[in-house]
C-alpha atoms as a PDB file:
ATOM      1  CA  MET A   1     -17.118  68.974  47.497  1.00  0.00           C
ATOM      2  CA  THR A   2     -17.041  65.461  48.961  1.00  0.00           C
ATOM      3  CA  ASP A   3     -19.599  64.223  51.468  1.00  0.00           C
ATOM      4  CA  PRO A   4     -18.612  64.796  55.105  1.00  0.00           C
ATOM      5  CA  LEU A   5     -17.196  61.917  57.099  1.00  0.00           C
ATOM      6  CA  ILE A   6     -19.245  60.521  59.980  1.00  0.00           C
ATOM      7  CA  GLN A   7     -17.544  60.254  63.369  1.00  0.00           C
ATOM      8  CA  ALA A   8     -18.729  57.775  65.996  1.00  0.00           C
ATOM      9  CA  THR A   9     -17.594  58.714  69.511  1.00  0.00           C
ATOM     10  CA  LEU A  10     -17.532  56.550  72.652  1.00  0.00           C
ATOM     11  CA  GLN A  11     -16.215  57.236  76.160  1.00  0.00           C
ATOM     12  CA  LEU A  12     -14.693  54.213  77.864  1.00  0.00           C
ATOM     13  CA  PRO A  13     -12.552  53.312  80.894  1.00  0.00           C
ATOM     14  CA  ALA A  14      -8.829  53.263  80.108  1.00  0.00           C
ATOM     15  CA  HIS A  15      -8.512  49.478  80.507  1.00  0.00           C
ATOM     16  CA  ALA A  16     -11.246  48.888  77.910  1.00  0.00           C
ATOM     17  CA  ALA A  17     -10.633  51.641  75.346  1.00  0.00           C
ATOM     18  CA  LEU A  18      -7.888  50.012  73.255  1.00  0.00           C
ATOM     19  CA  SER A  19      -9.698  46.676  73.117  1.00  0.00           C
ATOM     20  CA  VAL A  20     -12.878  48.330  71.848  1.00  0.00           C
ATOM     21  CA  ALA A  21     -10.883  50.458  69.384  1.00  0.00           C
ATOM     22  CA  ASP A  22      -9.209  47.295  68.072  1.00  0.00           C
ATOM     23  CA  LEU A  23     -12.597  45.619  67.630  1.00  0.00           C
ATOM     24  CA  LEU A  24     -14.076  48.602  65.762  1.00  0.00           C
ATOM     25  CA  GLU A  25     -11.014  48.711  63.512  1.00  0.00           C
ATOM     26  CA  GLY A  26     -11.515  45.076  62.545  1.00  0.00           C
ATOM     27  CA  LEU A  27     -15.214  45.242  61.654  1.00  0.00           C
ATOM     28  CA  ASP A  28     -16.018  44.699  57.982  1.00  0.00           C
ATOM     29  CA  ALA A  29     -19.508  46.165  58.271  1.00  0.00           C
ATOM     30  CA  PRO A  30     -19.421  48.989  58.972  1.00  0.00           C
ATOM     31  CA  GLN A  31     -15.767  49.384  57.953  1.00  0.00           C
ATOM     32  CA  ALA A  32     -14.019  52.331  59.599  1.00  0.00           C
ATOM     33  CA  LEU A  33     -11.582  54.549  57.724  1.00  0.00           C
ATOM     34  CA  SER A  34      -9.665  55.041  60.963  1.00  0.00           C
ATOM     35  CA  VAL A  35     -10.054  54.418  64.694  1.00  0.00           C
ATOM     36  CA  THR A  36      -8.245  56.408  67.374  1.00  0.00           C
ATOM     37  CA  ALA A  37      -8.231  56.510  71.179  1.00  0.00           C
ATOM     38  CA  PHE A  38      -7.362  59.600  73.213  1.00  0.00           C
ATOM     39  CA  GLU A  39      -6.874  59.983  76.952  1.00  0.00           C
ATOM     40  CA  ILE A  40      -9.286  62.442  78.578  1.00  0.00           C
ATOM     41  CA  PRO A  41      -7.063  64.684  80.759  1.00  0.00           C
ATOM     42  CA  GLY A  42      -7.799  64.541  84.471  1.00  0.00           C
ATOM     43  CA  THR A  43      -9.850  61.346  84.236  1.00  0.00           C
ATOM     44  CA  ASP A  44      -9.361  57.579  83.998  1.00  0.00           C
ATOM     45  CA  ASP A  45     -11.315  57.473  80.733  1.00  0.00           C
ATOM     46  CA  PHE A  46     -10.502  57.519  77.023  1.00  0.00           C
ATOM     47  CA  THR A  47     -12.425  58.849  74.044  1.00  0.00           C
ATOM     48  CA  VAL A  48     -12.586  56.393  71.135  1.00  0.00           C
ATOM     49  CA  GLN A  49     -13.398  57.882  67.736  1.00  0.00           C
ATOM     50  CA  ALA A  50     -14.125  55.977  64.517  1.00  0.00           C
ATOM     51  CA  LEU A  51     -14.493  57.650  61.115  1.00  0.00           C
ATOM     52  CA  TYR A  52     -16.885  56.278  58.465  1.00  0.00           C
ATOM     53  CA  PRO A  53     -17.603  57.346  54.864  1.00  0.00           C
ATOM     54  CA  GLN A  54     -21.349  56.834  55.472  1.00  0.00           C
ATOM     55  CA  ALA A  55     -23.370  57.016  58.663  1.00  0.00           C
ATOM     56  CA  PRO A  56     -23.404  53.717  60.562  1.00  0.00           C
ATOM     57  CA  SER A  57     -26.191  52.686  62.896  1.00  0.00           C
ATOM     58  CA  ALA A  58     -25.374  53.406  66.530  1.00  0.00           C
ATOM     59  CA  GLU A  59     -27.575  50.474  67.532  1.00  0.00           C
ATOM     60  CA  ASN A  60     -25.717  48.133  65.157  1.00  0.00           C
ATOM     61  CA  LEU A  61     -22.352  49.271  66.538  1.00  0.00           C
ATOM     62  CA  GLN A  62     -23.575  48.624  70.077  1.00  0.00           C
ATOM     63  CA  GLN A  63     -24.733  45.141  69.095  1.00  0.00           C
ATOM     64  CA  GLN A  64     -21.329  44.337  67.570  1.00  0.00           C
ATOM     65  CA  ILE A  65     -19.330  45.474  70.592  1.00  0.00           C
ATOM     66  CA  ALA A  66     -21.789  44.011  73.136  1.00  0.00           C
ATOM     67  CA  PRO A  67     -19.968  40.660  73.673  1.00  0.00           C
ATOM     68  CA  LEU A  68     -16.691  42.488  74.381  1.00  0.00           C
ATOM     69  CA  ILE A  69     -18.411  44.999  76.661  1.00  0.00           C
ATOM     70  CA  ASP A  70     -19.954  42.108  78.622  1.00  0.00           C
ATOM     71  CA  ALA A  71     -16.560  40.370  78.875  1.00  0.00           C
ATOM     72  CA  LEU A  72     -14.957  43.574  80.142  1.00  0.00           C
ATOM     73  CA  GLN A  73     -17.797  43.921  82.696  1.00  0.00           C
ATOM     74  CA  ILE A  74     -18.446  47.598  81.974  1.00  0.00           C
ATOM     75  CA  PRO A  75     -21.682  49.443  81.131  1.00  0.00           C
ATOM     76  CA  MET A  76     -22.552  49.765  77.451  1.00  0.00           C
ATOM     77  CA  PRO A  77     -21.195  53.161  76.324  1.00  0.00           C
ATOM     78  CA  GLN A  78     -23.360  55.660  74.538  1.00  0.00           C
ATOM     79  CA  ILE A  79     -22.369  56.074  70.874  1.00  0.00           C
ATOM     80  CA  THR A  80     -22.830  59.525  69.379  1.00  0.00           C
ATOM     81  CA  LEU A  81     -22.648  60.183  65.649  1.00  0.00           C
ATOM     82  CA  GLY A  82     -21.692  63.493  64.077  1.00  0.00           C
ATOM     83  CA  LYS A  83     -20.577  64.913  60.756  1.00  0.00           C
ATOM     84  CA  LEU A  84     -16.998  66.002  60.197  1.00  0.00           C
ATOM     85  CA  GLU A  85     -16.840  68.652  57.524  1.00  0.00           C
ATOM     86  CA  ASP A  86     -14.152  67.485  55.158  1.00  0.00           C
ATOM     87  CA  ARG A  87     -11.344  69.797  54.072  1.00  0.00           C
ATOM     88  CA  ASP A  88     -12.268  72.837  56.117  1.00  0.00           C
ATOM     89  CA  TRP A  89     -12.293  70.886  59.388  1.00  0.00           C
ATOM     90  CA  ILE A  90      -8.942  69.179  58.775  1.00  0.00           C
ATOM     91  CA  ALA A  91      -7.261  72.370  57.584  1.00  0.00           C
ATOM     92  CA  GLN A  92      -8.502  74.233  60.638  1.00  0.00           C
ATOM     93  CA  SER A  93      -7.276  71.526  63.011  1.00  0.00           C
ATOM     94  CA  LEU A  94      -3.810  71.324  61.414  1.00  0.00           C
ATOM     95  CA  ALA A  95      -3.087  74.914  60.408  1.00  0.00           C
ATOM     96  CA  ASP A  96      -1.475  75.913  63.693  1.00  0.00           C
ATOM     97  CA  LEU A  97       0.360  72.677  64.458  1.00  0.00           C
ATOM     98  CA  PRO A  98       4.047  73.207  65.234  1.00  0.00           C
ATOM     99  CA  PRO A  99       6.836  71.855  63.007  1.00  0.00           C
ATOM    100  CA  ILE A 100       7.952  68.290  63.651  1.00  0.00           C
ATOM    101  CA  VAL A 101      11.569  67.158  64.021  1.00  0.00           C
ATOM    102  CA  ALA A 102      12.248  63.438  63.462  1.00  0.00           C
ATOM    103  CA  GLY A 103      15.921  62.625  63.176  1.00  0.00           C
ATOM    104  CA  ARG A 104      17.209  64.716  60.288  1.00  0.00           C
ATOM    105  CA  PHE A 105      13.697  65.455  59.027  1.00  0.00           C
ATOM    106  CA  PHE A 106      11.932  68.776  59.610  1.00  0.00           C
ATOM    107  CA  VAL A 107       8.244  68.635  58.646  1.00  0.00           C
ATOM    108  CA  ALA A 108       6.197  71.831  58.534  1.00  0.00           C
ATOM    109  CA  GLY A 109       3.738  73.928  56.619  1.00  0.00           C
ATOM    110  CA  ALA A 110       4.840  77.134  54.944  1.00  0.00           C
ATOM    111  CA  HIS A 111       4.400  78.998  58.236  1.00  0.00           C
ATOM    112  CA  GLY A 112       7.000  76.825  59.971  1.00  0.00           C
ATOM    113  CA  LEU A 113       9.663  76.224  57.347  1.00  0.00           C
ATOM    114  CA  GLU A 114      11.584  79.386  58.246  1.00  0.00           C
ATOM    115  CA  GLN A 115      12.406  77.729  61.583  1.00  0.00           C
ATOM    116  CA  ALA A 116      14.132  74.761  59.917  1.00  0.00           C
ATOM    117  CA  PRO A 117      17.849  74.241  60.629  1.00  0.00           C
ATOM    118  CA  ARG A 118      19.929  74.570  57.474  1.00  0.00           C
ATOM    119  CA  ALA A 119      21.262  71.004  57.714  1.00  0.00           C
ATOM    120  CA  ALA A 120      17.808  69.423  58.163  1.00  0.00           C
ATOM    121  CA  ILE A 121      15.921  67.598  55.411  1.00  0.00           C
ATOM    122  CA  HIS A 122      12.901  69.847  54.846  1.00  0.00           C
ATOM    123  CA  LEU A 123       9.469  68.404  54.065  1.00  0.00           C
ATOM    124  CA  HIS A 124       6.787  70.955  53.242  1.00  0.00           C
ATOM    125  CA  ILE A 125       3.348  69.505  54.118  1.00  0.00           C
ATOM    126  CA  GLU A 126       0.239  71.657  54.269  1.00  0.00           C
ATOM    127  CA  ALA A 127      -3.055  70.753  55.932  1.00  0.00           C
ATOM    128  CA  GLY A 128      -5.189  68.741  53.524  1.00  0.00           C
ATOM    129  CA  GLN A 129      -7.493  65.795  53.062  1.00  0.00           C
ATOM    130  CA  ALA A 130      -4.968  62.998  53.626  1.00  0.00           C
ATOM    131  CA  PHE A 131      -3.292  61.447  56.648  1.00  0.00           C
ATOM    132  CA  GLY A 132       0.383  62.054  57.309  1.00  0.00           C
ATOM    133  CA  THR A 133       1.704  65.405  58.522  1.00  0.00           C
ATOM    134  CA  GLY A 134       4.300  63.911  60.867  1.00  0.00           C
ATOM    135  CA  HIS A 135       2.371  64.902  63.992  1.00  0.00           C
ATOM    136  CA  HIS A 136       0.895  61.474  64.642  1.00  0.00           C
ATOM    137  CA  GLU A 137       3.162  59.040  66.496  1.00  0.00           C
ATOM    138  CA  THR A 138       2.977  56.506  63.653  1.00  0.00           C
ATOM    139  CA  THR A 139       4.265  58.904  60.991  1.00  0.00           C
ATOM    140  CA  LEU A 140       6.901  60.311  63.339  1.00  0.00           C
ATOM    141  CA  CYS A 141       8.250  56.833  64.090  1.00  0.00           C
ATOM    142  CA  CYS A 142       8.324  55.928  60.392  1.00  0.00           C
ATOM    143  CA  LEU A 143      10.480  58.993  59.766  1.00  0.00           C
ATOM    144  CA  LEU A 144      12.771  57.954  62.612  1.00  0.00           C
ATOM    145  CA  ALA A 145      13.017  54.465  61.096  1.00  0.00           C
ATOM    146  CA  LEU A 146      13.920  55.968  57.699  1.00  0.00           C
ATOM    147  CA  ASP A 147      16.600  58.121  59.297  1.00  0.00           C
ATOM    148  CA  TYR A 148      17.966  55.049  61.087  1.00  0.00           C
ATOM    149  CA  LEU A 149      18.141  53.059  57.827  1.00  0.00           C
ATOM    150  CA  ALA A 150      19.675  55.929  55.864  1.00  0.00           C
ATOM    151  CA  ARG A 151      22.666  55.992  58.194  1.00  0.00           C
ATOM    152  CA  ARG A 152      23.397  52.367  57.313  1.00  0.00           C
ATOM    153  CA  GLN A 153      22.628  51.855  53.605  1.00  0.00           C
ATOM    154  CA  ARG A 154      21.022  53.206  50.446  1.00  0.00           C
ATOM    155  CA  PHE A 155      17.817  52.030  48.789  1.00  0.00           C
ATOM    156  CA  SER A 156      16.903  52.254  45.120  1.00  0.00           C
ATOM    157  CA  HIS A 157      13.474  50.548  44.806  1.00  0.00           C
ATOM    158  CA  VAL A 158      11.004  52.015  47.317  1.00  0.00           C
ATOM    159  CA  LEU A 159       7.230  51.599  47.659  1.00  0.00           C
ATOM    160  CA  ASP A 160       5.133  53.830  49.954  1.00  0.00           C
ATOM    161  CA  LEU A 161       1.999  51.701  50.423  1.00  0.00           C
ATOM    162  CA  GLY A 162      -1.024  53.653  51.695  1.00  0.00           C
ATOM    163  CA  CYS A 163       0.845  56.912  51.167  1.00  0.00           C
ATOM    164  CA  GLY A 164      -1.652  59.489  52.480  1.00  0.00           C
ATOM    165  CA  THR A 165       0.039  62.866  51.979  1.00  0.00           C
ATOM    166  CA  GLY A 166       3.108  61.111  50.545  1.00  0.00           C
ATOM    167  CA  VAL A 167       5.328  62.322  53.388  1.00  0.00           C
ATOM    168  CA  LEU A 168       7.142  58.994  53.811  1.00  0.00           C
ATOM    169  CA  GLY A 169       7.715  58.509  50.109  1.00  0.00           C
ATOM    170  CA  MET A 170       9.021  62.064  49.842  1.00  0.00           C
ATOM    171  CA  ALA A 171      11.334  61.479  52.792  1.00  0.00           C
ATOM    172  CA  ALA A 172      12.761  58.432  50.993  1.00  0.00           C
ATOM    173  CA  ALA A 173      13.094  60.375  47.740  1.00  0.00           C
ATOM    174  CA  LYS A 174      14.979  63.172  49.490  1.00  0.00           C
ATOM    175  CA  LEU A 175      17.297  60.697  51.191  1.00  0.00           C
ATOM    176  CA  TRP A 176      18.249  58.645  48.139  1.00  0.00           C
ATOM    177  CA  ARG A 177      17.126  60.721  45.103  1.00  0.00           C
ATOM    178  CA  ARG A 178      15.574  57.626  43.549  1.00  0.00           C
ATOM    179  CA  LYS A 179      12.120  57.053  42.081  1.00  0.00           C
ATOM    180  CA  VAL A 180       9.538  56.154  44.730  1.00  0.00           C
ATOM    181  CA  ILE A 181       6.167  54.607  43.923  1.00  0.00           C
ATOM    182  CA  ALA A 182       3.470  55.948  46.259  1.00  0.00           C
ATOM    183  CA  SER A 183       0.057  54.270  46.301  1.00  0.00           C
ATOM    184  CA  ASP A 184      -3.210  54.771  48.140  1.00  0.00           C
ATOM    185  CA  ILE A 185      -6.713  53.364  47.831  1.00  0.00           C
ATOM    186  CA  ASP A 186      -8.098  56.925  48.113  1.00  0.00           C
ATOM    187  CA  PRO A 187      -7.776  58.996  44.904  1.00  0.00           C
ATOM    188  CA  ILE A 188      -7.920  62.197  46.965  1.00  0.00           C
ATOM    189  CA  ALA A 189      -4.846  61.081  48.912  1.00  0.00           C
ATOM    190  CA  VAL A 190      -3.043  60.307  45.632  1.00  0.00           C
ATOM    191  CA  HIS A 191      -3.898  63.790  44.366  1.00  0.00           C
ATOM    192  CA  VAL A 192      -2.614  65.347  47.601  1.00  0.00           C
ATOM    193  CA  ALA A 193       0.590  63.267  47.419  1.00  0.00           C
ATOM    194  CA  ARG A 194       1.161  64.448  43.842  1.00  0.00           C
ATOM    195  CA  GLU A 195       0.666  68.086  44.895  1.00  0.00           C
ATOM    196  CA  ASN A 196       3.052  67.664  47.822  1.00  0.00           C
ATOM    197  CA  ALA A 197       5.690  66.080  45.607  1.00  0.00           C
ATOM    198  CA  ALA A 198       5.518  69.106  43.301  1.00  0.00           C
ATOM    199  CA  ARG A 199       5.626  71.488  46.284  1.00  0.00           C
ATOM    200  CA  ASN A 200       8.815  69.792  47.489  1.00  0.00           C
ATOM    201  CA  GLY A 201      10.480  69.663  44.074  1.00  0.00           C
ATOM    202  CA  LEU A 202      10.132  65.886  43.910  1.00  0.00           C
ATOM    203  CA  SER A 203       7.803  65.347  40.953  1.00  0.00           C
ATOM    204  CA  ALA A 204      10.597  63.616  39.049  1.00  0.00           C
ATOM    205  CA  PHE A 205      11.095  61.158  41.914  1.00  0.00           C
ATOM    206  CA  MET A 206       7.502  60.356  42.964  1.00  0.00           C
ATOM    207  CA  ARG A 207       4.994  58.197  41.065  1.00  0.00           C
ATOM    208  CA  PRO A 208       1.653  58.358  42.929  1.00  0.00           C
ATOM    209  CA  VAL A 209      -0.954  55.791  41.819  1.00  0.00           C
ATOM    210  CA  THR A 210      -4.432  54.829  43.020  1.00  0.00           C
ATOM    211  CA  ALA A 211      -4.386  51.162  44.022  1.00  0.00           C
ATOM    212  CA  ALA A 212      -5.581  48.701  46.647  1.00  0.00           C
ATOM    213  CA  GLY A 213      -2.630  46.752  47.959  1.00  0.00           C
ATOM    214  CA  PHE A 214      -0.371  45.640  45.123  1.00  0.00           C
ATOM    215  CA  ALA A 215      -3.119  45.623  42.479  1.00  0.00           C
ATOM    216  CA  HIS A 216      -1.599  48.033  39.960  1.00  0.00           C
ATOM    217  CA  PRO A 217       0.705  47.336  36.985  1.00  0.00           C
ATOM    218  CA  VAL A 218       3.082  50.146  38.036  1.00  0.00           C
ATOM    219  CA  ILE A 219       3.528  48.525  41.446  1.00  0.00           C
ATOM    220  CA  ALA A 220       4.058  45.084  39.927  1.00  0.00           C
ATOM    221  CA  ALA A 221       6.604  46.463  37.450  1.00  0.00           C
ATOM    222  CA  GLY A 222       8.587  48.146  40.226  1.00  0.00           C
ATOM    223  CA  ALA A 223       9.155  44.902  42.164  1.00  0.00           C
ATOM    224  CA  PRO A 224      11.166  43.515  43.747  1.00  0.00           C
ATOM    225  CA  TYR A 225      11.503  46.366  46.244  1.00  0.00           C
ATOM    226  CA  ASP A 226      14.360  46.769  48.670  1.00  0.00           C
ATOM    227  CA  LEU A 227      12.192  48.961  50.941  1.00  0.00           C
ATOM    228  CA  VAL A 228       8.426  48.975  51.529  1.00  0.00           C
ATOM    229  CA  LEU A 229       6.767  51.586  53.765  1.00  0.00           C
ATOM    230  CA  ALA A 230       3.273  50.822  55.066  1.00  0.00           C
ATOM    231  CA  ASN A 231       1.686  53.126  57.660  1.00  0.00           C
ATOM    232  CA  ILE A 232      -1.906  51.925  57.621  1.00  0.00           C
ATOM    233  CA  LEU A 233      -3.772  49.761  60.186  1.00  0.00           C
ATOM    234  CA  ALA A 234      -2.919  46.484  61.914  1.00  0.00           C
ATOM    235  CA  ARG A 235      -5.471  44.224  60.251  1.00  0.00           C
ATOM    236  CA  PRO A 236      -4.791  45.418  56.676  1.00  0.00           C
ATOM    237  CA  LEU A 237      -1.060  45.039  57.413  1.00  0.00           C
ATOM    238  CA  MET A 238      -1.648  41.413  58.399  1.00  0.00           C
ATOM    239  CA  ARG A 239      -3.729  40.740  55.295  1.00  0.00           C
ATOM    240  CA  LEU A 240      -0.938  42.191  53.138  1.00  0.00           C
ATOM    241  CA  SER A 241       1.876  40.154  54.727  1.00  0.00           C
ATOM    242  CA  HIS A 242       2.018  37.518  51.983  1.00  0.00           C
ATOM    243  CA  ALA A 243       1.873  40.102  49.181  1.00  0.00           C
ATOM    244  CA  VAL A 244       4.582  42.238  50.819  1.00  0.00           C
ATOM    245  CA  ALA A 245       6.837  39.195  51.141  1.00  0.00           C
ATOM    246  CA  ARG A 246       6.291  38.324  47.454  1.00  0.00           C
ATOM    247  CA  HIS A 247       7.186  41.833  46.276  1.00  0.00           C
ATOM    248  CA  ILE A 248      10.270  42.499  48.406  1.00  0.00           C
ATOM    249  CA  ALA A 249      13.784  41.354  47.571  1.00  0.00           C
ATOM    250  CA  PRO A 250      15.757  39.013  49.863  1.00  0.00           C
ATOM    251  CA  GLY A 251      17.543  41.203  52.390  1.00  0.00           C
ATOM    252  CA  GLY A 252      15.016  43.998  51.808  1.00  0.00           C
ATOM    253  CA  HIS A 253      13.403  46.008  54.594  1.00  0.00           C
ATOM    254  CA  VAL A 254       9.794  46.781  55.537  1.00  0.00           C
ATOM    255  CA  ILE A 255       8.625  49.583  57.837  1.00  0.00           C
ATOM    256  CA  LEU A 256       5.191  48.798  59.308  1.00  0.00           C
ATOM    257  CA  SER A 257       3.180  51.292  61.328  1.00  0.00           C
ATOM    258  CA  GLY A 258      -0.341  52.248  62.305  1.00  0.00           C
ATOM    259  CA  LEU A 259      -0.507  49.540  64.974  1.00  0.00           C
ATOM    260  CA  LEU A 260      -0.949  49.644  68.717  1.00  0.00           C
ATOM    261  CA  ARG A 261       1.559  47.912  70.979  1.00  0.00           C
ATOM    262  CA  THR A 262      -1.173  45.405  71.833  1.00  0.00           C
ATOM    263  CA  GLN A 263      -1.378  44.470  68.123  1.00  0.00           C
ATOM    264  CA  GLU A 264       2.371  44.150  67.571  1.00  0.00           C
ATOM    265  CA  ALA A 265       2.709  40.429  68.328  1.00  0.00           C
ATOM    266  CA  ALA A 266      -0.019  39.460  65.853  1.00  0.00           C
ATOM    267  CA  VAL A 267       1.476  41.624  63.092  1.00  0.00           C
ATOM    268  CA  ARG A 268       5.001  40.320  63.721  1.00  0.00           C
ATOM    269  CA  GLY A 269       3.695  36.762  63.625  1.00  0.00           C
ATOM    270  CA  ALA A 270       1.988  37.296  60.268  1.00  0.00           C
ATOM    271  CA  TYR A 271       5.191  38.595  58.687  1.00  0.00           C
ATOM    272  CA  ARG A 272       7.474  36.089  60.399  1.00  0.00           C
ATOM    273  CA  SER A 273       5.556  33.289  58.703  1.00  0.00           C
ATOM    274  CA  HIS A 274       6.651  34.766  55.358  1.00  0.00           C
ATOM    275  CA  GLY A 275      10.326  35.165  56.217  1.00  0.00           C
ATOM    276  CA  LEU A 276      10.313  38.756  57.495  1.00  0.00           C
ATOM    277  CA  PHE A 277      11.907  39.216  60.915  1.00  0.00           C
ATOM    278  CA  LEU A 278      12.105  42.086  63.387  1.00  0.00           C
ATOM    279  CA  GLU A 279      15.232  44.237  63.250  1.00  0.00           C
ATOM    280  CA  ARG A 280      14.135  47.179  65.423  1.00  0.00           C
ATOM    281  CA  ARG A 281      11.070  48.724  67.085  1.00  0.00           C
ATOM    282  CA  PHE A 282      10.221  52.426  67.406  1.00  0.00           C
ATOM    283  CA  LEU A 283       7.727  53.206  70.178  1.00  0.00           C
ATOM    284  CA  ARG A 284       5.717  56.336  71.004  1.00  0.00           C
ATOM    285  CA  ASN A 285       3.007  56.183  73.665  1.00  0.00           C
ATOM    286  CA  GLU A 286       0.683  53.278  72.787  1.00  0.00           C
ATOM    287  CA  TRP A 287       1.906  53.071  69.163  1.00  0.00           C
ATOM    288  CA  SER A 288       4.504  50.712  67.717  1.00  0.00           C
ATOM    289  CA  THR A 289       6.450  50.925  64.432  1.00  0.00           C
ATOM    290  CA  LEU A 290       8.289  47.820  63.243  1.00  0.00           C
ATOM    291  CA  LEU A 291      11.380  47.607  61.068  1.00  0.00           C
ATOM    292  CA  LEU A 292      11.533  44.135  59.519  1.00  0.00           C
ATOM    293  CA  ARG A 293      14.023  42.500  57.183  1.00  0.00           C
ATOM    294  CA  LYS A 294      13.416  39.685  54.732  1.00  0.00           C
ATOM    295  CA  GLN A 295      15.644  36.658  55.121  1.00  0.00           C
ATOM    296  CA  LYS A 296      18.310  36.357  52.435  1.00  0.00           C
ATOM    297  CA  LEU A 297      18.392  33.246  50.271  1.00  0.00           C
ATOM    298  CA  ARG A 298      21.143  30.794  51.176  1.00  0.00           C
END
């Protein structure tokens, strides 16, 4: 049994919530596993939630956001800390979620697969300890981007970077029936991705590995890639821009997600400097997914 995650919760006015969430996401100490912002129905406020592997200090968090709070001219929000019980909590929260339709993809747990249209591409994902069931806007838009690409060309060298449950890598494997390398910094996520690949009959097409960025011999050996999928967070995406550009073939595509619309310009700029240019955007609420293409050599 792994230690429970610690959730820091703040309530903020709508105009300030995304800025504070962006700041919390970018802190190195404490470093959040994820940061999300949710509208509170019937109010003008948002709830911002940050997940940490160990308990941060509420006072330290307040000190780090204080300059931004002063600039926004709002009162300092109270920060509450609480434990999130690991697998049981996530399974409970996801067990009754409805199936997701994204283009030709139909994503569901066992309880929802019987509703799938015969012509759909089925992806069987159960509640677990990794991100990526298709219900979040970022994963949904990545699936839409994959469906868009699949109607135009085929890909044979695919990397799912920060794979979570492996849903995006499995979607690529089902589309093109080619080997997909799926990596994540979290060994639990890699284990979940391997289980999901077996559940979907894709063990022969998925190679899950535990790695940070491109630091794994399997990832290096698979380059150059003609498609890289990266649904993580804006700042890590920017830090990886040079490495992504080095490992992708000229004319290859990159799908980037996990970023807010307010972060899109900075992420696009980081990749543009390495020869990767926007081909299409997929938007859902405050989230943006970018489809980029690497310039071909002349």
